[in-house]
Amino acid sequence: MSELRHTLSDLHDELQQAQRLAPEDRVLLETVLADIHRVLDDAAAGPSADRGDRLEGAAVKLEAGHPGLAGAIRAVLDALAKAGI
C-alpha cells in the first residue's frame, strides 16, 4: 500500500506541474484523486471500475499534451490494480 501512496504522491506532483491543463481536466483529475484517497482510507471499500475508467479516460485525454501526467495516471492505475483496488 505504501507503493500506491508514493505513486499517488507522484501524480499529485505531476498535476501541480501541469501548467497548461484545461480547468475541466484539472477538476476531473482532482475529483478522481479524491475518490482514490477516500477508498484508501476506507478499508471496507471494494474495487470501483468507475473510478478506474474515469482515471484511464483522463490519461487518454491528456496523453498528447501532458505525457508526464498521463504516465503518472497510468502508474496509479497499475498500483491500484496491484493493490486489488
N, C-alpha and C. Protein backbone atom coordinates (compact mmCIF):
# COMPACT_ATOMS: atom_id res chain seq x y z
N MET A 1 0.83 -1.19 0.00
CA MET A 1 0.00 0.00 0.00
C MET A 1 0.87 1.25 0.00
N SER A 2 2.06 1.18 0.58
CA SER A 2 2.93 2.36 0.60
C SER A 2 3.39 2.71 -0.82
N GLU A 3 3.55 1.70 -1.68
CA GLU A 3 3.91 1.98 -3.08
C GLU A 3 2.79 2.78 -3.75
N LEU A 4 1.56 2.42 -3.46
CA LEU A 4 0.42 3.12 -4.03
C LEU A 4 0.39 4.57 -3.55
N ARG A 5 0.60 4.77 -2.28
CA ARG A 5 0.60 6.14 -1.76
C ARG A 5 1.75 6.96 -2.36
N HIS A 6 2.89 6.33 -2.57
CA HIS A 6 4.02 7.02 -3.20
C HIS A 6 3.67 7.39 -4.64
N THR A 7 3.04 6.47 -5.36
CA THR A 7 2.65 6.73 -6.74
C THR A 7 1.61 7.84 -6.81
N LEU A 8 0.67 7.87 -5.87
CA LEU A 8 -0.30 8.96 -5.81
C LEU A 8 0.38 10.29 -5.55
N SER A 9 1.39 10.27 -4.71
CA SER A 9 2.14 11.49 -4.44
C SER A 9 2.83 11.99 -5.71
N ASP A 10 3.38 11.06 -6.49
CA ASP A 10 4.00 11.44 -7.76
C ASP A 10 2.97 12.06 -8.70
N LEU A 11 1.76 11.50 -8.72
CA LEU A 11 0.71 12.04 -9.57
C LEU A 11 0.32 13.45 -9.12
N HIS A 12 0.22 13.65 -7.81
CA HIS A 12 -0.07 14.99 -7.31
C HIS A 12 1.00 15.98 -7.76
N ASP A 13 2.27 15.56 -7.71
CA ASP A 13 3.37 16.42 -8.15
C ASP A 13 3.23 16.76 -9.63
N GLU A 14 2.93 15.75 -10.45
CA GLU A 14 2.75 15.99 -11.89
C GLU A 14 1.58 16.95 -12.13
N LEU A 15 0.52 16.77 -11.38
CA LEU A 15 -0.65 17.63 -11.53
C LEU A 15 -0.30 19.08 -11.19
N GLN A 16 0.49 19.28 -10.16
CA GLN A 16 0.90 20.63 -9.77
C GLN A 16 1.79 21.27 -10.84
N GLN A 17 2.57 20.46 -11.54
CA GLN A 17 3.50 20.98 -12.55
C GLN A 17 2.83 21.21 -13.90
N ALA A 18 1.66 20.65 -14.11
CA ALA A 18 0.96 20.81 -15.39
C ALA A 18 0.44 22.23 -15.49
N GLN A 19 1.10 23.03 -16.29
CA GLN A 19 0.78 24.45 -16.35
C GLN A 19 -0.34 24.78 -17.32
N ARG A 20 -0.47 24.03 -18.39
CA ARG A 20 -1.48 24.36 -19.40
C ARG A 20 -2.62 23.35 -19.38
N LEU A 21 -2.98 22.90 -18.24
CA LEU A 21 -4.06 21.92 -18.10
C LEU A 21 -5.39 22.66 -18.09
N ALA A 22 -6.30 22.22 -18.94
CA ALA A 22 -7.62 22.86 -19.01
C ALA A 22 -8.32 22.72 -17.65
N PRO A 23 -9.06 23.74 -17.25
CA PRO A 23 -9.72 23.70 -15.95
C PRO A 23 -10.59 22.45 -15.74
N GLU A 24 -11.33 22.04 -16.78
CA GLU A 24 -12.18 20.86 -16.61
C GLU A 24 -11.35 19.58 -16.45
N ASP A 25 -10.17 19.52 -17.08
CA ASP A 25 -9.29 18.36 -16.90
C ASP A 25 -8.72 18.33 -15.48
N ARG A 26 -8.34 19.50 -14.99
CA ARG A 26 -7.81 19.57 -13.63
C ARG A 26 -8.88 19.14 -12.62
N VAL A 27 -10.10 19.59 -12.80
CA VAL A 27 -11.20 19.22 -11.90
C VAL A 27 -11.43 17.70 -11.95
N LEU A 28 -11.43 17.13 -13.16
CA LEU A 28 -11.61 15.69 -13.31
C LEU A 28 -10.54 14.92 -12.55
N LEU A 29 -9.30 15.30 -12.75
CA LEU A 29 -8.20 14.60 -12.07
C LEU A 29 -8.27 14.77 -10.55
N GLU A 30 -8.56 15.96 -10.10
CA GLU A 30 -8.64 16.19 -8.66
C GLU A 30 -9.80 15.41 -8.04
N THR A 31 -10.90 15.29 -8.77
CA THR A 31 -12.03 14.50 -8.28
C THR A 31 -11.68 13.03 -8.17
N VAL A 32 -11.04 12.50 -9.20
CA VAL A 32 -10.66 11.08 -9.19
C VAL A 32 -9.63 10.82 -8.09
N LEU A 33 -8.67 11.72 -7.94
CA LEU A 33 -7.68 11.55 -6.88
C LEU A 33 -8.34 11.56 -5.50
N ALA A 34 -9.29 12.44 -5.30
CA ALA A 34 -10.01 12.48 -4.02
C ALA A 34 -10.77 11.17 -3.80
N ASP A 35 -11.39 10.64 -4.86
CA ASP A 35 -12.08 9.35 -4.76
C ASP A 35 -11.11 8.25 -4.34
N ILE A 36 -9.94 8.22 -4.96
CA ILE A 36 -8.96 7.19 -4.65
C ILE A 36 -8.50 7.31 -3.20
N HIS A 37 -8.26 8.52 -2.74
CA HIS A 37 -7.86 8.71 -1.34
C HIS A 37 -8.96 8.24 -0.39
N ARG A 38 -10.22 8.49 -0.73
CA ARG A 38 -11.32 8.01 0.12
C ARG A 38 -11.34 6.49 0.18
N VAL A 39 -11.12 5.84 -0.95
CA VAL A 39 -11.10 4.38 -0.99
C VAL A 39 -9.96 3.84 -0.13
N LEU A 40 -8.80 4.46 -0.25
CA LEU A 40 -7.65 4.02 0.54
C LEU A 40 -7.88 4.21 2.03
N ASP A 41 -8.60 5.23 2.39
CA ASP A 41 -8.87 5.50 3.80
C ASP A 41 -10.00 4.63 4.35
N ASP A 42 -10.79 4.03 3.48
CA ASP A 42 -11.92 3.20 3.90
C ASP A 42 -11.58 1.73 3.64
N ALA A 43 -11.13 1.05 4.64
CA ALA A 43 -10.69 -0.35 4.49
C ALA A 43 -11.80 -1.27 4.00
N ALA A 44 -13.04 -0.91 4.22
CA ALA A 44 -14.16 -1.76 3.81
C ALA A 44 -14.54 -1.56 2.35
N ALA A 45 -14.02 -0.54 1.71
CA ALA A 45 -14.40 -0.25 0.32
C ALA A 45 -13.81 -1.29 -0.61
N GLY A 46 -14.57 -1.63 -1.60
CA GLY A 46 -14.12 -2.59 -2.59
C GLY A 46 -13.67 -1.89 -3.85
N PRO A 47 -13.31 -2.67 -4.87
CA PRO A 47 -12.89 -2.09 -6.13
C PRO A 47 -14.00 -1.28 -6.79
N SER A 48 -13.59 -0.29 -7.56
CA SER A 48 -14.57 0.51 -8.29
C SER A 48 -14.10 0.69 -9.73
N ALA A 49 -14.78 0.03 -10.65
CA ALA A 49 -14.43 0.15 -12.06
C ALA A 49 -14.68 1.56 -12.55
N ASP A 50 -15.67 2.24 -11.99
CA ASP A 50 -16.00 3.59 -12.42
C ASP A 50 -14.82 4.53 -12.22
N ARG A 51 -14.19 4.49 -11.06
CA ARG A 51 -13.04 5.36 -10.80
C ARG A 51 -11.90 5.01 -11.75
N GLY A 52 -11.65 3.73 -11.95
CA GLY A 52 -10.60 3.31 -12.87
C GLY A 52 -10.87 3.77 -14.28
N ASP A 53 -12.12 3.66 -14.70
CA ASP A 53 -12.49 4.11 -16.05
C ASP A 53 -12.29 5.61 -16.20
N ARG A 54 -12.68 6.36 -15.17
CA ARG A 54 -12.50 7.82 -15.25
C ARG A 54 -11.02 8.18 -15.31
N LEU A 55 -10.21 7.49 -14.51
CA LEU A 55 -8.78 7.77 -14.50
C LEU A 55 -8.13 7.40 -15.82
N GLU A 56 -8.50 6.26 -16.39
CA GLU A 56 -7.97 5.87 -17.70
C GLU A 56 -8.41 6.85 -18.77
N GLY A 57 -9.66 7.29 -18.70
CA GLY A 57 -10.15 8.27 -19.66
C GLY A 57 -9.37 9.57 -19.58
N ALA A 58 -9.03 9.97 -18.37
CA ALA A 58 -8.24 11.19 -18.20
C ALA A 58 -6.85 11.00 -18.80
N ALA A 59 -6.25 9.82 -18.61
CA ALA A 59 -4.92 9.56 -19.16
C ALA A 59 -4.95 9.63 -20.68
N VAL A 60 -5.95 9.04 -21.28
CA VAL A 60 -6.07 9.06 -22.75
C VAL A 60 -6.23 10.50 -23.24
N LYS A 61 -7.07 11.26 -22.58
CA LYS A 61 -7.34 12.64 -23.00
C LYS A 61 -6.09 13.52 -22.89
N LEU A 62 -5.25 13.24 -21.89
CA LEU A 62 -4.10 14.10 -21.63
C LEU A 62 -2.81 13.62 -22.30
N GLU A 63 -2.84 12.46 -22.94
CA GLU A 63 -1.63 11.84 -23.48
C GLU A 63 -0.82 12.78 -24.38
N ALA A 64 -1.45 13.42 -25.33
CA ALA A 64 -0.72 14.25 -26.29
C ALA A 64 -0.12 15.51 -25.66
N GLY A 65 -0.91 16.21 -24.88
CA GLY A 65 -0.45 17.48 -24.33
C GLY A 65 0.34 17.38 -23.04
N HIS A 66 0.12 16.31 -22.30
CA HIS A 66 0.76 16.16 -20.98
C HIS A 66 1.20 14.71 -20.77
N PRO A 67 2.22 14.26 -21.53
CA PRO A 67 2.62 12.85 -21.43
C PRO A 67 3.11 12.44 -20.04
N GLY A 68 3.75 13.35 -19.33
CA GLY A 68 4.21 13.02 -17.97
C GLY A 68 3.05 12.77 -17.03
N LEU A 69 2.04 13.60 -17.14
CA LEU A 69 0.85 13.45 -16.32
C LEU A 69 0.11 12.17 -16.68
N ALA A 70 -0.01 11.89 -17.97
CA ALA A 70 -0.68 10.67 -18.41
C ALA A 70 0.07 9.43 -17.89
N GLY A 71 1.39 9.48 -17.93
CA GLY A 71 2.20 8.36 -17.42
C GLY A 71 2.01 8.17 -15.93
N ALA A 72 1.92 9.28 -15.20
CA ALA A 72 1.70 9.20 -13.75
C ALA A 72 0.33 8.61 -13.45
N ILE A 73 -0.66 8.97 -14.25
CA ILE A 73 -2.01 8.42 -14.06
C ILE A 73 -1.98 6.91 -14.28
N ARG A 74 -1.30 6.48 -15.33
CA ARG A 74 -1.23 5.04 -15.62
C ARG A 74 -0.46 4.30 -14.53
N ALA A 75 0.54 4.94 -13.94
CA ALA A 75 1.27 4.31 -12.82
C ALA A 75 0.34 4.12 -11.63
N VAL A 76 -0.54 5.08 -11.39
CA VAL A 76 -1.52 4.95 -10.31
C VAL A 76 -2.48 3.80 -10.61
N LEU A 77 -2.93 3.72 -11.85
CA LEU A 77 -3.82 2.61 -12.24
C LEU A 77 -3.15 1.26 -12.01
N ASP A 78 -1.88 1.15 -12.38
CA ASP A 78 -1.15 -0.10 -12.15
C ASP A 78 -1.03 -0.41 -10.67
N ALA A 79 -0.71 0.61 -9.87
CA ALA A 79 -0.57 0.40 -8.43
C ALA A 79 -1.91 0.01 -7.80
N LEU A 80 -2.99 0.62 -8.26
CA LEU A 80 -4.33 0.25 -7.76
C LEU A 80 -4.64 -1.19 -8.09
N ALA A 81 -4.32 -1.61 -9.30
CA ALA A 81 -4.58 -2.99 -9.71
C ALA A 81 -3.76 -3.97 -8.86
N LYS A 82 -2.51 -3.64 -8.59
CA LYS A 82 -1.66 -4.50 -7.77
C LYS A 82 -2.18 -4.60 -6.35
N ALA A 83 -2.79 -3.50 -5.86
CA ALA A 83 -3.33 -3.49 -4.50
C ALA A 83 -4.72 -4.10 -4.43
N GLY A 84 -5.26 -4.46 -5.59
CA GLY A 84 -6.60 -5.07 -5.61
C GLY A 84 -7.72 -4.07 -5.43
N ILE A 85 -7.44 -2.83 -5.78
CA ILE A 85 -8.45 -1.77 -5.61
C ILE A 85 -9.01 -1.40 -6.96
